[in-house]
Amino acid sequence: MTMDDMSAPVTTSVTRHVDPSRTTEMRAWVQAGTALAEQFDGFLGSGWVRPSEDSPEWHMLYRFADSASLAAWEASPQRAWWLEAAQGRIEATRVERRTGIEGWFDEPATVQPAAAAPAVAPPRWKQMVVIFLVFFPLSLASNWVSGHLIGDWPLPLRVLVSVLVMTPLMTYVLLPWMTRKMAWFLHR
């Protein structure tokens, strides 16, 4: 882990399975965990998402300012007590950890068991190279097209339209495609 990785905010995603009949108990447990985590330096926030009201799957996200702050929370007796309170009733099935934008560089199906170590992200300079290989031609094409189609619009509006088109294209189409094509470079 580089010094840059240690100072970057870290987001942890945990999927937990809960019996739907224990929803009220789960909500109280969630609130208790958030209240405990809020007391730790570097805590930036947390949230919970469920696919549907009767789903047994709960997805928790929590974010800390850096790896050291996250490690302090994860090693704390408060967290151990909180997790022990749910022993046998709430099961963690998957844990993923992200710093920065390297989530773009993982296949969507990549999941780590709760006990496994987090996957090693490609070095940031390699991520930068792949992003450049997508962003430069896309930006060039977007500017050329917008110059011909909406060139008389005010600059902020042209940029807004360009970004609204480029962002989903980069995120959902071009960057995942380039990441697969450049896997030999990213993960060498």
Foldseek 3Di string as FASTA:
>chain_A
DDPVQQQFKKKKKWKKFAQLVCVVVVVVLVVQLQVVLVVFAFWDDKDWDDPDSRGRIIMIMTMGRGPVSVVCSVPDPSVVVSVVVCPPGMGTFWMEMDGDPLVLLDDPPDTDGPPDDHDDWFDPVLVVVLLCVQPVVLVVVLVVVCCVVVVVDDPVVSVVVSCVVPVCCCRPPRSSVSSVVCVVVRVD
